[in-house]
Amino acid sequence: MRVVSCLLLVAAACGNDLPPPGECVVATGDGEATAVNVPLVGRAAGFDDVRYSPQLGKVVAAPEGTGRVFLVEPDSMATTQIAVPGGVASADASATTVYAADRGNDRIVAFDAASGAAGPTRDLGANPDYVRVAPTTGEVWVTLPGRDRVDVLDGASLQPLGSVDVSGAPEGLTFDRGGRAYVQNGGRVIAIDVARRVVVDEWDSGCGASHGFPQFDDDYGLAIAGCRSNGGVGVIANGDAVAGFEAGGGEAILAYDPVRHHLYVRGDPGPTLDVLAVCSGGGTSVLARVPISDSGHGATADDRGHVWVADATTGGLIRITDPFPATN
């Protein structure tokens, strides 16, 4: 969600109070992270969401105001596109269907992932921020910050199934493997039971204000929060903020590889992407700092060893290959 710059807010509301980075001693190997530009729009275009769909096996990119959602194969970088309403700025996909959040018309629209044919549409009665497919149920979850809730839709028909009330406008939306969803707000990460559709926990992150998609490491039991200022990150273990990191720049944009236990952080605006090892106790260590374009509001990690960063200057993506061994 795009937010007012911290320069226009009370300083105390945005300043981070993060713990130290903690300790994470790892072998780095001899590899070097490499970056490749992936053209999409062919001109400058803003982003607010980039998502890798493991069910579809493709990166789903929805550059704002272009009327297109792009599907990118991770290895070959072959790209297809689907025509969507101009108000679409967030999208995700199941194995067969692309779901797009049409902010211009307050609705979710579905498309066949193979043919691009239009499917069901669901009016929401409120402005959607982000849309995600729940991996354990196949439901479509939509954040509605103006209503302080998350709506749940049937994946096939988009019929309403229920909603989750949260304390404050939900920012971001991420699922773990065990049946929980995570949003953040006001420097807190909020955990939701997917089956019961209720908030079950909240944790302080050390961020003065929240931004972006929280991340979760199932194997280590770590929640990772993003901050609205200075590219800040708070790592939470057993309900406590145990480590922090600041990449510099503006709002934190996060992606995570749960197999490698690597966290990818940029501040937008900011000219670099930091690759961090995350150890089981929550401590972090910088593996690399990769030069990228200084503007791009979205990032995602695939399951092939790549992280993808939005590039607003070209309206495309940057694919960065992570050569570093998994953190143990």
C-alpha atoms as a PDB file:
ATOM      1  CA  MET A   1       0.000   0.000   0.000  1.00  0.00           C
ATOM      2  CA  ARG A   2       1.347   3.395  -0.910  1.00  0.00           C
ATOM      3  CA  VAL A   3       1.489   5.634   2.151  1.00  0.00           C
ATOM      4  CA  VAL A   4       2.293   9.223   3.066  1.00  0.00           C
ATOM      5  CA  SER A   5       6.010   9.801   3.447  1.00  0.00           C
ATOM      6  CA  CYS A   6       7.346   9.799   6.994  1.00  0.00           C
ATOM      7  CA  LEU A   7       8.551  13.348   6.380  1.00  0.00           C
ATOM      8  CA  LEU A   8       4.917  14.402   6.567  1.00  0.00           C
ATOM      9  CA  LEU A   9       4.138  12.451   9.731  1.00  0.00           C
ATOM     10  CA  VAL A  10       5.098  12.887  13.360  1.00  0.00           C
ATOM     11  CA  ALA A  11       8.689  11.704  13.676  1.00  0.00           C
ATOM     12  CA  ALA A  12       7.950   9.439  16.631  1.00  0.00           C
ATOM     13  CA  ALA A  13       5.401   7.556  14.571  1.00  0.00           C
ATOM     14  CA  CYS A  14       7.953   6.572  11.944  1.00  0.00           C
ATOM     15  CA  GLY A  15      11.287   6.204  13.713  1.00  0.00           C
ATOM     16  CA  ASN A  16      12.281   2.568  14.171  1.00  0.00           C
ATOM     17  CA  ASP A  17      13.367   1.103  17.509  1.00  0.00           C
ATOM     18  CA  LEU A  18      14.879  -2.112  16.203  1.00  0.00           C
ATOM     19  CA  PRO A  19      17.174  -4.522  18.067  1.00  0.00           C
ATOM     20  CA  PRO A  20      20.725  -5.109  16.793  1.00  0.00           C
ATOM     21  CA  PRO A  21      21.134  -7.447  13.796  1.00  0.00           C
ATOM     22  CA  GLY A  22      21.960 -10.399  16.037  1.00  0.00           C
ATOM     23  CA  GLU A  23      24.461 -13.105  15.175  1.00  0.00           C
ATOM     24  CA  CYS A  24      24.415 -15.327  12.116  1.00  0.00           C
ATOM     25  CA  VAL A  25      27.763 -16.841  11.104  1.00  0.00           C
ATOM     26  CA  VAL A  26      27.549 -18.446   7.657  1.00  0.00           C
ATOM     27  CA  ALA A  27      29.790 -19.482   4.789  1.00  0.00           C
ATOM     28  CA  THR A  28      29.358 -17.215   1.774  1.00  0.00           C
ATOM     29  CA  GLY A  29      31.091 -19.319  -0.887  1.00  0.00           C
ATOM     30  CA  ASP A  30      32.635 -17.812  -3.994  1.00  0.00           C
ATOM     31  CA  GLY A  31      29.486 -16.870  -5.897  1.00  0.00           C
ATOM     32  CA  GLU A  32      28.360 -13.413  -6.910  1.00  0.00           C
ATOM     33  CA  ALA A  33      24.742 -12.296  -7.161  1.00  0.00           C
ATOM     34  CA  THR A  34      23.893 -11.425 -10.751  1.00  0.00           C
ATOM     35  CA  ALA A  35      21.108  -9.165 -12.006  1.00  0.00           C
ATOM     36  CA  VAL A  36      19.242  -9.320 -15.320  1.00  0.00           C
ATOM     37  CA  ASN A  37      16.653  -6.826 -16.570  1.00  0.00           C
ATOM     38  CA  VAL A  38      13.307  -8.299 -17.641  1.00  0.00           C
ATOM     39  CA  PRO A  39      11.370  -5.851 -19.869  1.00  0.00           C
ATOM     40  CA  LEU A  40       7.594  -5.735 -19.453  1.00  0.00           C
ATOM     41  CA  VAL A  41       5.790  -2.463 -20.176  1.00  0.00           C
ATOM     42  CA  GLY A  42       8.508  -0.823 -22.289  1.00  0.00           C
ATOM     43  CA  ARG A  43       8.270   2.499 -20.456  1.00  0.00           C
ATOM     44  CA  ALA A  44       8.359   3.827 -16.920  1.00  0.00           C
ATOM     45  CA  ALA A  45       5.508   2.402 -14.837  1.00  0.00           C
ATOM     46  CA  GLY A  46       4.760   2.180 -11.143  1.00  0.00           C
ATOM     47  CA  PHE A  47       4.320  -1.041  -9.182  1.00  0.00           C
ATOM     48  CA  ASP A  48       2.734  -1.837  -5.847  1.00  0.00           C
ATOM     49  CA  ASP A  49       2.907  -5.633  -6.005  1.00  0.00           C
ATOM     50  CA  VAL A  50       4.989  -8.461  -7.479  1.00  0.00           C
ATOM     51  CA  ARG A  51       4.200 -12.057  -6.553  1.00  0.00           C
ATOM     52  CA  TYR A  52       5.634 -15.486  -7.369  1.00  0.00           C
ATOM     53  CA  SER A  53       2.845 -18.067  -7.559  1.00  0.00           C
ATOM     54  CA  PRO A  54       4.240 -21.512  -6.674  1.00  0.00           C
ATOM     55  CA  GLN A  55       1.026 -23.158  -7.916  1.00  0.00           C
ATOM     56  CA  LEU A  56       1.342 -21.569 -11.372  1.00  0.00           C
ATOM     57  CA  GLY A  57       5.135 -21.597 -11.329  1.00  0.00           C
ATOM     58  CA  LYS A  58       5.349 -18.022 -12.615  1.00  0.00           C
ATOM     59  CA  VAL A  59       5.999 -14.498 -11.397  1.00  0.00           C
ATOM     60  CA  VAL A  60       2.829 -12.396 -11.461  1.00  0.00           C
ATOM     61  CA  ALA A  61       3.443  -8.667 -12.029  1.00  0.00           C
ATOM     62  CA  ALA A  62       0.725  -6.026 -12.136  1.00  0.00           C
ATOM     63  CA  PRO A  63       2.231  -2.638 -13.096  1.00  0.00           C
ATOM     64  CA  GLU A  64      -0.242   0.056 -12.126  1.00  0.00           C
ATOM     65  CA  GLY A  65      -2.420   1.752 -14.719  1.00  0.00           C
ATOM     66  CA  THR A  66      -1.212  -0.359 -17.643  1.00  0.00           C
ATOM     67  CA  GLY A  67      -4.266  -2.614 -18.001  1.00  0.00           C
ATOM     68  CA  ARG A  68      -2.024  -5.684 -18.074  1.00  0.00           C
ATOM     69  CA  VAL A  69      -0.878  -8.465 -15.781  1.00  0.00           C
ATOM     70  CA  PHE A  70       2.374 -10.138 -16.818  1.00  0.00           C
ATOM     71  CA  LEU A  71       3.226 -13.795 -16.171  1.00  0.00           C
ATOM     72  CA  VAL A  72       6.961 -14.543 -16.259  1.00  0.00           C
ATOM     73  CA  GLU A  73       8.572 -17.991 -16.351  1.00  0.00           C
ATOM     74  CA  PRO A  74      11.438 -17.844 -13.821  1.00  0.00           C
ATOM     75  CA  ASP A  75      14.177 -19.649 -15.742  1.00  0.00           C
ATOM     76  CA  SER A  76      13.595 -18.680 -19.376  1.00  0.00           C
ATOM     77  CA  MET A  77      12.042 -15.293 -18.466  1.00  0.00           C
ATOM     78  CA  ALA A  78       9.444 -15.937 -21.203  1.00  0.00           C
ATOM     79  CA  THR A  79       6.547 -13.561 -20.655  1.00  0.00           C
ATOM     80  CA  THR A  80       2.848 -13.640 -21.428  1.00  0.00           C
ATOM     81  CA  GLN A  81       0.309 -10.979 -20.601  1.00  0.00           C
ATOM     82  CA  ILE A  82      -3.370 -10.769 -19.749  1.00  0.00           C
ATOM     83  CA  ALA A  83      -5.553  -7.731 -20.450  1.00  0.00           C
ATOM     84  CA  VAL A  84      -7.136  -6.491 -17.218  1.00  0.00           C
ATOM     85  CA  PRO A  85      -8.962  -3.341 -16.066  1.00  0.00           C
ATOM     86  CA  GLY A  86      -6.735  -0.282 -15.770  1.00  0.00           C
ATOM     87  CA  GLY A  87      -7.307  -0.082 -12.026  1.00  0.00           C
ATOM     88  CA  VAL A  88      -5.554  -3.399 -11.301  1.00  0.00           C
ATOM     89  CA  ALA A  89      -2.460  -3.000  -9.106  1.00  0.00           C
ATOM     90  CA  SER A  90      -2.219  -6.337  -7.272  1.00  0.00           C
ATOM     91  CA  ALA A  91      -2.540  -9.919  -8.510  1.00  0.00           C
ATOM     92  CA  ASP A  92      -1.883 -13.532  -7.557  1.00  0.00           C
ATOM     93  CA  ALA A  93      -2.598 -16.875  -9.187  1.00  0.00           C
ATOM     94  CA  SER A  94      -3.580 -20.454  -8.476  1.00  0.00           C
ATOM     95  CA  ALA A  95      -2.553 -23.235 -10.840  1.00  0.00           C
ATOM     96  CA  THR A  96      -5.321 -22.226 -13.264  1.00  0.00           C
ATOM     97  CA  THR A  97      -6.591 -18.746 -12.411  1.00  0.00           C
ATOM     98  CA  VAL A  98      -5.197 -15.230 -12.069  1.00  0.00           C
ATOM     99  CA  TYR A  99      -6.949 -13.068  -9.473  1.00  0.00           C
ATOM    100  CA  ALA A 100      -6.590  -9.298  -9.815  1.00  0.00           C
ATOM    101  CA  ALA A 101      -7.493  -6.528  -7.381  1.00  0.00           C
ATOM    102  CA  ASP A 102      -9.173  -3.749  -9.371  1.00  0.00           C
ATOM    103  CA  ARG A 103      -8.723  -0.740  -7.130  1.00  0.00           C
ATOM    104  CA  GLY A 104     -10.397   1.511  -9.674  1.00  0.00           C
ATOM    105  CA  ASN A 105     -13.711  -0.341  -9.379  1.00  0.00           C
ATOM    106  CA  ASP A 106     -13.528  -1.888  -5.880  1.00  0.00           C
ATOM    107  CA  ARG A 107     -13.663  -5.479  -7.082  1.00  0.00           C
ATOM    108  CA  ILE A 108     -11.781  -8.720  -7.650  1.00  0.00           C
ATOM    109  CA  VAL A 109     -11.674 -10.055 -11.200  1.00  0.00           C
ATOM    110  CA  ALA A 110     -10.577 -13.553 -12.252  1.00  0.00           C
ATOM    111  CA  PHE A 111      -8.939 -14.661 -15.511  1.00  0.00           C
ATOM    112  CA  ASP A 112      -7.981 -18.014 -16.984  1.00  0.00           C
ATOM    113  CA  ALA A 113      -4.200 -18.228 -16.562  1.00  0.00           C
ATOM    114  CA  ALA A 114      -3.704 -20.069 -19.865  1.00  0.00           C
ATOM    115  CA  SER A 115      -6.078 -18.254 -22.216  1.00  0.00           C
ATOM    116  CA  GLY A 116      -6.521 -14.917 -20.459  1.00  0.00           C
ATOM    117  CA  ALA A 117     -10.305 -15.261 -20.746  1.00  0.00           C
ATOM    118  CA  ALA A 118     -12.300 -13.300 -18.167  1.00  0.00           C
ATOM    119  CA  GLY A 119     -13.959 -15.269 -15.378  1.00  0.00           C
ATOM    120  CA  PRO A 120     -16.007 -14.339 -12.303  1.00  0.00           C
ATOM    121  CA  THR A 121     -16.058 -10.835 -10.843  1.00  0.00           C
ATOM    122  CA  ARG A 122     -16.868  -9.874  -7.254  1.00  0.00           C
ATOM    123  CA  ASP A 123     -17.749  -6.348  -6.127  1.00  0.00           C
ATOM    124  CA  LEU A 124     -16.347  -5.689  -2.663  1.00  0.00           C
ATOM    125  CA  GLY A 125     -18.049  -2.487  -1.558  1.00  0.00           C
ATOM    126  CA  ALA A 126     -14.646  -1.216  -0.395  1.00  0.00           C
ATOM    127  CA  ASN A 127     -11.266  -0.488  -1.945  1.00  0.00           C
ATOM    128  CA  PRO A 128      -9.000  -3.553  -2.172  1.00  0.00           C
ATOM    129  CA  ASP A 129      -5.306  -3.282  -1.449  1.00  0.00           C
ATOM    130  CA  TYR A 130      -3.796  -6.740  -2.037  1.00  0.00           C
ATOM    131  CA  VAL A 131      -5.085 -10.125  -3.183  1.00  0.00           C
ATOM    132  CA  ARG A 132      -3.565 -13.510  -2.349  1.00  0.00           C
ATOM    133  CA  VAL A 133      -4.483 -17.190  -2.769  1.00  0.00           C
ATOM    134  CA  ALA A 134      -4.450 -19.121   0.530  1.00  0.00           C
ATOM    135  CA  PRO A 135      -2.243 -22.199  -0.053  1.00  0.00           C
ATOM    136  CA  THR A 136      -4.034 -24.476   2.420  1.00  0.00           C
ATOM    137  CA  THR A 137      -7.597 -23.748   1.237  1.00  0.00           C
ATOM    138  CA  GLY A 138      -7.458 -22.265  -2.276  1.00  0.00           C
ATOM    139  CA  GLU A 139      -9.542 -19.335  -1.028  1.00  0.00           C
ATOM    140  CA  VAL A 140      -8.958 -15.807  -2.289  1.00  0.00           C
ATOM    141  CA  TRP A 141      -8.079 -13.352   0.496  1.00  0.00           C
ATOM    142  CA  VAL A 142      -8.325  -9.592  -0.056  1.00  0.00           C
ATOM    143  CA  THR A 143      -7.135  -6.839   2.291  1.00  0.00           C
ATOM    144  CA  LEU A 144      -9.485  -3.873   2.754  1.00  0.00           C
ATOM    145  CA  PRO A 145      -7.528  -1.240   4.722  1.00  0.00           C
ATOM    146  CA  GLY A 146     -10.421   1.247   4.721  1.00  0.00           C
ATOM    147  CA  ARG A 147     -12.596  -1.284   6.558  1.00  0.00           C
ATOM    148  CA  ASP A 148      -9.921  -2.740   8.880  1.00  0.00           C
ATOM    149  CA  ARG A 149     -10.567  -6.240   7.608  1.00  0.00           C
ATOM    150  CA  VAL A 150      -9.623  -9.026   5.225  1.00  0.00           C
ATOM    151  CA  ASP A 151     -12.356 -10.547   3.032  1.00  0.00           C
ATOM    152  CA  VAL A 152     -12.372 -14.226   2.053  1.00  0.00           C
ATOM    153  CA  LEU A 153     -13.788 -15.394  -1.295  1.00  0.00           C
ATOM    154  CA  ASP A 154     -14.347 -18.799  -2.877  1.00  0.00           C
ATOM    155  CA  GLY A 155     -11.564 -19.529  -5.362  1.00  0.00           C
ATOM    156  CA  ALA A 156     -13.887 -20.890  -8.060  1.00  0.00           C
ATOM    157  CA  SER A 157     -16.886 -18.549  -7.894  1.00  0.00           C
ATOM    158  CA  LEU A 158     -15.560 -15.539  -5.916  1.00  0.00           C
ATOM    159  CA  GLN A 159     -18.622 -15.865  -3.692  1.00  0.00           C
ATOM    160  CA  PRO A 160     -18.038 -14.307  -0.236  1.00  0.00           C
ATOM    161  CA  LEU A 161     -17.142 -16.842   2.447  1.00  0.00           C
ATOM    162  CA  GLY A 162     -16.407 -14.585   5.393  1.00  0.00           C
ATOM    163  CA  SER A 163     -14.064 -11.901   6.684  1.00  0.00           C
ATOM    164  CA  VAL A 164     -11.463 -11.240   9.359  1.00  0.00           C
ATOM    165  CA  ASP A 165     -11.559  -8.066  11.457  1.00  0.00           C
ATOM    166  CA  VAL A 166      -8.134  -6.700  12.377  1.00  0.00           C
ATOM    167  CA  SER A 167      -7.064  -3.879  14.663  1.00  0.00           C
ATOM    168  CA  GLY A 168      -6.157  -1.155  12.182  1.00  0.00           C
ATOM    169  CA  ALA A 169      -5.726  -1.099   8.425  1.00  0.00           C
ATOM    170  CA  PRO A 170      -4.088  -4.390   7.318  1.00  0.00           C
ATOM    171  CA  GLU A 171      -0.835  -3.908   5.417  1.00  0.00           C
ATOM    172  CA  GLY A 172       0.497  -6.743   3.249  1.00  0.00           C
ATOM    173  CA  LEU A 173      -0.711 -10.359   3.348  1.00  0.00           C
ATOM    174  CA  THR A 174       1.412 -13.513   3.620  1.00  0.00           C
ATOM    175  CA  PHE A 175       0.627 -17.177   4.403  1.00  0.00           C
ATOM    176  CA  ASP A 176       2.716 -19.862   6.057  1.00  0.00           C
ATOM    177  CA  ARG A 177       2.488 -23.609   5.408  1.00  0.00           C
ATOM    178  CA  GLY A 178       0.684 -24.355   8.654  1.00  0.00           C
ATOM    179  CA  GLY A 179      -2.593 -22.533   8.124  1.00  0.00           C
ATOM    180  CA  ARG A 180      -1.874 -19.014   9.300  1.00  0.00           C
ATOM    181  CA  ALA A 181      -1.933 -15.673   7.498  1.00  0.00           C
ATOM    182  CA  TYR A 182       0.016 -12.549   8.466  1.00  0.00           C
ATOM    183  CA  VAL A 183      -0.619  -8.838   7.995  1.00  0.00           C
ATOM    184  CA  GLN A 184       0.982  -5.897   9.753  1.00  0.00           C
ATOM    185  CA  ASN A 185      -0.038  -2.507  11.095  1.00  0.00           C
ATOM    186  CA  GLY A 186       1.358   0.107  13.467  1.00  0.00           C
ATOM    187  CA  GLY A 187       4.647  -1.670  14.083  1.00  0.00           C
ATOM    188  CA  ARG A 188       2.924  -4.998  14.832  1.00  0.00           C
ATOM    189  CA  VAL A 189       2.668  -8.291  12.972  1.00  0.00           C
ATOM    190  CA  ILE A 190      -0.823  -9.800  13.217  1.00  0.00           C
ATOM    191  CA  ALA A 191      -1.321 -13.583  12.921  1.00  0.00           C
ATOM    192  CA  ILE A 192      -4.636 -14.972  11.617  1.00  0.00           C
ATOM    193  CA  ASP A 193      -5.941 -18.541  11.802  1.00  0.00           C
ATOM    194  CA  VAL A 194      -6.985 -19.279   8.204  1.00  0.00           C
ATOM    195  CA  ALA A 195      -9.543 -21.992   8.971  1.00  0.00           C
ATOM    196  CA  ARG A 196     -11.274 -20.084  11.793  1.00  0.00           C
ATOM    197  CA  ARG A 197     -10.750 -16.630  10.235  1.00  0.00           C
ATOM    198  CA  VAL A 198      -9.812 -14.989  13.521  1.00  0.00           C
ATOM    199  CA  VAL A 199      -6.784 -13.071  14.803  1.00  0.00           C
ATOM    200  CA  VAL A 200      -4.815 -15.343  17.128  1.00  0.00           C
ATOM    201  CA  ASP A 201      -1.722 -13.279  17.970  1.00  0.00           C
ATOM    202  CA  GLU A 202       0.004  -9.902  17.598  1.00  0.00           C
ATOM    203  CA  TRP A 203       3.687  -9.082  18.057  1.00  0.00           C
ATOM    204  CA  ASP A 204       5.643  -5.828  18.216  1.00  0.00           C
ATOM    205  CA  SER A 205       8.320  -5.634  15.531  1.00  0.00           C
ATOM    206  CA  GLY A 206      10.357  -2.598  16.537  1.00  0.00           C
ATOM    207  CA  CYS A 207       9.177  -0.677  13.454  1.00  0.00           C
ATOM    208  CA  GLY A 208       7.860   2.805  14.119  1.00  0.00           C
ATOM    209  CA  ALA A 209       5.282   2.156  11.391  1.00  0.00           C
ATOM    210  CA  SER A 210       4.659  -0.875   9.205  1.00  0.00           C
ATOM    211  CA  HIS A 211       5.115  -1.307   5.489  1.00  0.00           C
ATOM    212  CA  GLY A 212       4.928  -4.069   2.913  1.00  0.00           C
ATOM    213  CA  PHE A 213       4.437  -7.803   3.143  1.00  0.00           C
ATOM    214  CA  PRO A 214       5.522  -9.527   6.359  1.00  0.00           C
ATOM    215  CA  GLN A 215       7.452 -12.744   5.778  1.00  0.00           C
ATOM    216  CA  PHE A 216       7.496 -16.051   7.673  1.00  0.00           C
ATOM    217  CA  ASP A 217      10.046 -18.841   8.045  1.00  0.00           C
ATOM    218  CA  ASP A 218       8.156 -22.065   8.862  1.00  0.00           C
ATOM    219  CA  ASP A 219      11.236 -24.123   9.690  1.00  0.00           C
ATOM    220  CA  TYR A 220      12.640 -21.564  12.120  1.00  0.00           C
ATOM    221  CA  GLY A 221       9.310 -20.178  13.371  1.00  0.00           C
ATOM    222  CA  LEU A 222      10.312 -16.587  12.570  1.00  0.00           C
ATOM    223  CA  ALA A 223       8.093 -13.703  11.536  1.00  0.00           C
ATOM    224  CA  ILE A 224       9.776 -10.850   9.662  1.00  0.00           C
ATOM    225  CA  ALA A 225       8.245  -7.380   9.573  1.00  0.00           C
ATOM    226  CA  GLY A 226       8.869  -4.451   7.251  1.00  0.00           C
ATOM    227  CA  CYS A 227       9.156  -0.830   8.391  1.00  0.00           C
ATOM    228  CA  ARG A 228       7.918   2.330   6.706  1.00  0.00           C
ATOM    229  CA  SER A 229      11.256   4.112   7.050  1.00  0.00           C
ATOM    230  CA  ASN A 230      14.956   3.500   6.349  1.00  0.00           C
ATOM    231  CA  GLY A 231      14.409   0.079   4.757  1.00  0.00           C
ATOM    232  CA  GLY A 232      13.894  -1.332   8.250  1.00  0.00           C
ATOM    233  CA  VAL A 233      13.271  -4.973   9.157  1.00  0.00           C
ATOM    234  CA  GLY A 234      12.304  -6.568  12.472  1.00  0.00           C
ATOM    235  CA  VAL A 235      12.753 -10.322  13.064  1.00  0.00           C
ATOM    236  CA  ILE A 236      10.396 -11.857  15.637  1.00  0.00           C
ATOM    237  CA  ALA A 237      10.970 -15.172  17.463  1.00  0.00           C
ATOM    238  CA  ASN A 238       8.616 -16.573  20.099  1.00  0.00           C
ATOM    239  CA  GLY A 239       6.687 -13.308  20.126  1.00  0.00           C
ATOM    240  CA  ASP A 240       9.706 -11.063  20.726  1.00  0.00           C
ATOM    241  CA  ALA A 241      11.673  -8.838  18.351  1.00  0.00           C
ATOM    242  CA  VAL A 242      15.123 -10.429  18.458  1.00  0.00           C
ATOM    243  CA  ALA A 243      16.954  -8.792  15.540  1.00  0.00           C
ATOM    244  CA  GLY A 244      16.712  -5.743  13.330  1.00  0.00           C
ATOM    245  CA  PHE A 245      18.278  -4.418  10.166  1.00  0.00           C
ATOM    246  CA  GLU A 246      18.081  -1.213   8.144  1.00  0.00           C
ATOM    247  CA  ALA A 247      18.967  -1.229   4.462  1.00  0.00           C
ATOM    248  CA  GLY A 248      18.577   2.544   4.167  1.00  0.00           C
ATOM    249  CA  GLY A 249      16.354   4.414   1.767  1.00  0.00           C
ATOM    250  CA  GLY A 250      12.593   4.602   2.182  1.00  0.00           C
ATOM    251  CA  GLU A 251       9.838   2.063   2.771  1.00  0.00           C
ATOM    252  CA  ALA A 252      10.976  -1.543   3.259  1.00  0.00           C
ATOM    253  CA  ILE A 253      10.256  -3.933   0.378  1.00  0.00           C
ATOM    254  CA  LEU A 254      10.789  -7.560   1.451  1.00  0.00           C
ATOM    255  CA  ALA A 255      11.040 -10.991  -0.136  1.00  0.00           C
ATOM    256  CA  TYR A 256      12.079 -14.282   1.452  1.00  0.00           C
ATOM    257  CA  ASP A 257      13.461 -17.649   0.363  1.00  0.00           C
ATOM    258  CA  PRO A 258      12.374 -20.128   3.075  1.00  0.00           C
ATOM    259  CA  VAL A 259      14.582 -22.917   1.715  1.00  0.00           C
ATOM    260  CA  ARG A 260      17.788 -20.878   1.769  1.00  0.00           C
ATOM    261  CA  HIS A 261      16.614 -18.837   4.788  1.00  0.00           C
ATOM    262  CA  HIS A 262      17.625 -15.713   2.895  1.00  0.00           C
ATOM    263  CA  LEU A 263      15.904 -12.351   3.288  1.00  0.00           C
ATOM    264  CA  TYR A 264      15.953  -9.755   0.507  1.00  0.00           C
ATOM    265  CA  VAL A 265      15.505  -6.114   1.551  1.00  0.00           C
ATOM    266  CA  ARG A 266      15.386  -2.819  -0.270  1.00  0.00           C
ATOM    267  CA  GLY A 267      14.286   0.630   0.801  1.00  0.00           C
ATOM    268  CA  ASP A 268      12.126   2.316  -1.825  1.00  0.00           C
ATOM    269  CA  PRO A 269      13.502   4.670  -2.980  1.00  0.00           C
ATOM    270  CA  GLY A 270      16.983   3.199  -2.658  1.00  0.00           C
ATOM    271  CA  PRO A 271      19.673   1.974  -5.092  1.00  0.00           C
ATOM    272  CA  THR A 272      20.526  -1.435  -3.612  1.00  0.00           C
ATOM    273  CA  LEU A 273      19.063  -4.786  -2.638  1.00  0.00           C
ATOM    274  CA  ASP A 274      20.527  -6.419   0.464  1.00  0.00           C
ATOM    275  CA  VAL A 275      20.764 -10.225   0.623  1.00  0.00           C
ATOM    276  CA  LEU A 276      20.707 -11.390   4.243  1.00  0.00           C
ATOM    277  CA  ALA A 277      21.271 -14.805   5.801  1.00  0.00           C
ATOM    278  CA  VAL A 278      18.802 -15.505   8.623  1.00  0.00           C
ATOM    279  CA  CYS A 279      19.819 -17.998  11.304  1.00  0.00           C
ATOM    280  CA  SER A 280      17.484 -20.174  13.378  1.00  0.00           C
ATOM    281  CA  GLY A 281      17.590 -17.814  16.353  1.00  0.00           C
ATOM    282  CA  GLY A 282      16.624 -14.825  14.206  1.00  0.00           C
ATOM    283  CA  GLY A 283      20.068 -13.241  13.827  1.00  0.00           C
ATOM    284  CA  THR A 284      21.029 -11.856  10.424  1.00  0.00           C
ATOM    285  CA  SER A 285      24.181 -11.405   8.352  1.00  0.00           C
ATOM    286  CA  VAL A 286      24.614  -9.484   5.093  1.00  0.00           C
ATOM    287  CA  LEU A 287      25.730 -11.726   2.235  1.00  0.00           C
ATOM    288  CA  ALA A 288      25.650  -9.143  -0.558  1.00  0.00           C
ATOM    289  CA  ARG A 289      24.496  -5.670  -1.529  1.00  0.00           C
ATOM    290  CA  VAL A 290      23.343  -5.658  -5.157  1.00  0.00           C
ATOM    291  CA  PRO A 291      23.036  -2.409  -7.165  1.00  0.00           C
ATOM    292  CA  ILE A 292      19.547  -1.973  -8.660  1.00  0.00           C
ATOM    293  CA  SER A 293      17.441   0.902  -9.971  1.00  0.00           C
ATOM    294  CA  ASP A 294      16.476   3.347  -7.244  1.00  0.00           C
ATOM    295  CA  SER A 295      12.692   3.002  -7.592  1.00  0.00           C
ATOM    296  CA  GLY A 296      10.498  -0.089  -7.501  1.00  0.00           C
ATOM    297  CA  HIS A 297       7.685  -0.961  -5.089  1.00  0.00           C
ATOM    298  CA  GLY A 298       7.569  -4.748  -5.122  1.00  0.00           C
ATOM    299  CA  ALA A 299       9.696  -7.865  -4.693  1.00  0.00           C
ATOM    300  CA  THR A 300       9.236 -11.628  -4.545  1.00  0.00           C
ATOM    301  CA  ALA A 301      11.402 -14.741  -4.348  1.00  0.00           C
ATOM    302  CA  ASP A 302      10.708 -17.794  -6.498  1.00  0.00           C
ATOM    303  CA  ASP A 303      11.638 -21.419  -5.732  1.00  0.00           C
ATOM    304  CA  ARG A 304      14.470 -21.498  -8.300  1.00  0.00           C
ATOM    305  CA  GLY A 305      17.008 -19.329  -6.469  1.00  0.00           C
ATOM    306  CA  HIS A 306      15.935 -15.943  -7.839  1.00  0.00           C
ATOM    307  CA  VAL A 307      14.575 -12.791  -6.285  1.00  0.00           C
ATOM    308  CA  TRP A 308      12.543 -10.426  -8.459  1.00  0.00           C
ATOM    309  CA  VAL A 309      12.438  -6.668  -7.885  1.00  0.00           C
ATOM    310  CA  ALA A 310      10.132  -4.171  -9.560  1.00  0.00           C
ATOM    311  CA  ASP A 311      11.843  -1.490 -11.656  1.00  0.00           C
ATOM    312  CA  ALA A 312       9.616   1.571 -11.979  1.00  0.00           C
ATOM    313  CA  THR A 313      12.157   3.369 -14.179  1.00  0.00           C
ATOM    314  CA  THR A 314      11.637   0.880 -17.032  1.00  0.00           C
ATOM    315  CA  GLY A 315       8.280  -0.636 -16.123  1.00  0.00           C
ATOM    316  CA  GLY A 316       9.979  -4.035 -15.902  1.00  0.00           C
ATOM    317  CA  LEU A 317      11.535  -6.407 -13.388  1.00  0.00           C
ATOM    318  CA  ILE A 318      15.074  -7.171 -12.259  1.00  0.00           C
ATOM    319  CA  ARG A 319      15.851 -10.869 -11.714  1.00  0.00           C
ATOM    320  CA  ILE A 320      18.685 -11.401  -9.249  1.00  0.00           C
ATOM    321  CA  THR A 321      20.206 -14.870  -8.914  1.00  0.00           C
ATOM    322  CA  ASP A 322      21.170 -15.827  -5.359  1.00  0.00           C
ATOM    323  CA  PRO A 323      24.383 -17.935  -5.476  1.00  0.00           C
ATOM    324  CA  PHE A 324      24.846 -18.318  -1.729  1.00  0.00           C
ATOM    325  CA  PRO A 325      24.386 -21.594   0.151  1.00  0.00           C
ATOM    326  CA  ALA A 326      21.412 -22.113   2.415  1.00  0.00           C
ATOM    327  CA  THR A 327      21.732 -20.898   5.988  1.00  0.00           C
ATOM    328  CA  ASN A 328      21.817 -23.756   8.508  1.00  0.00           C
END
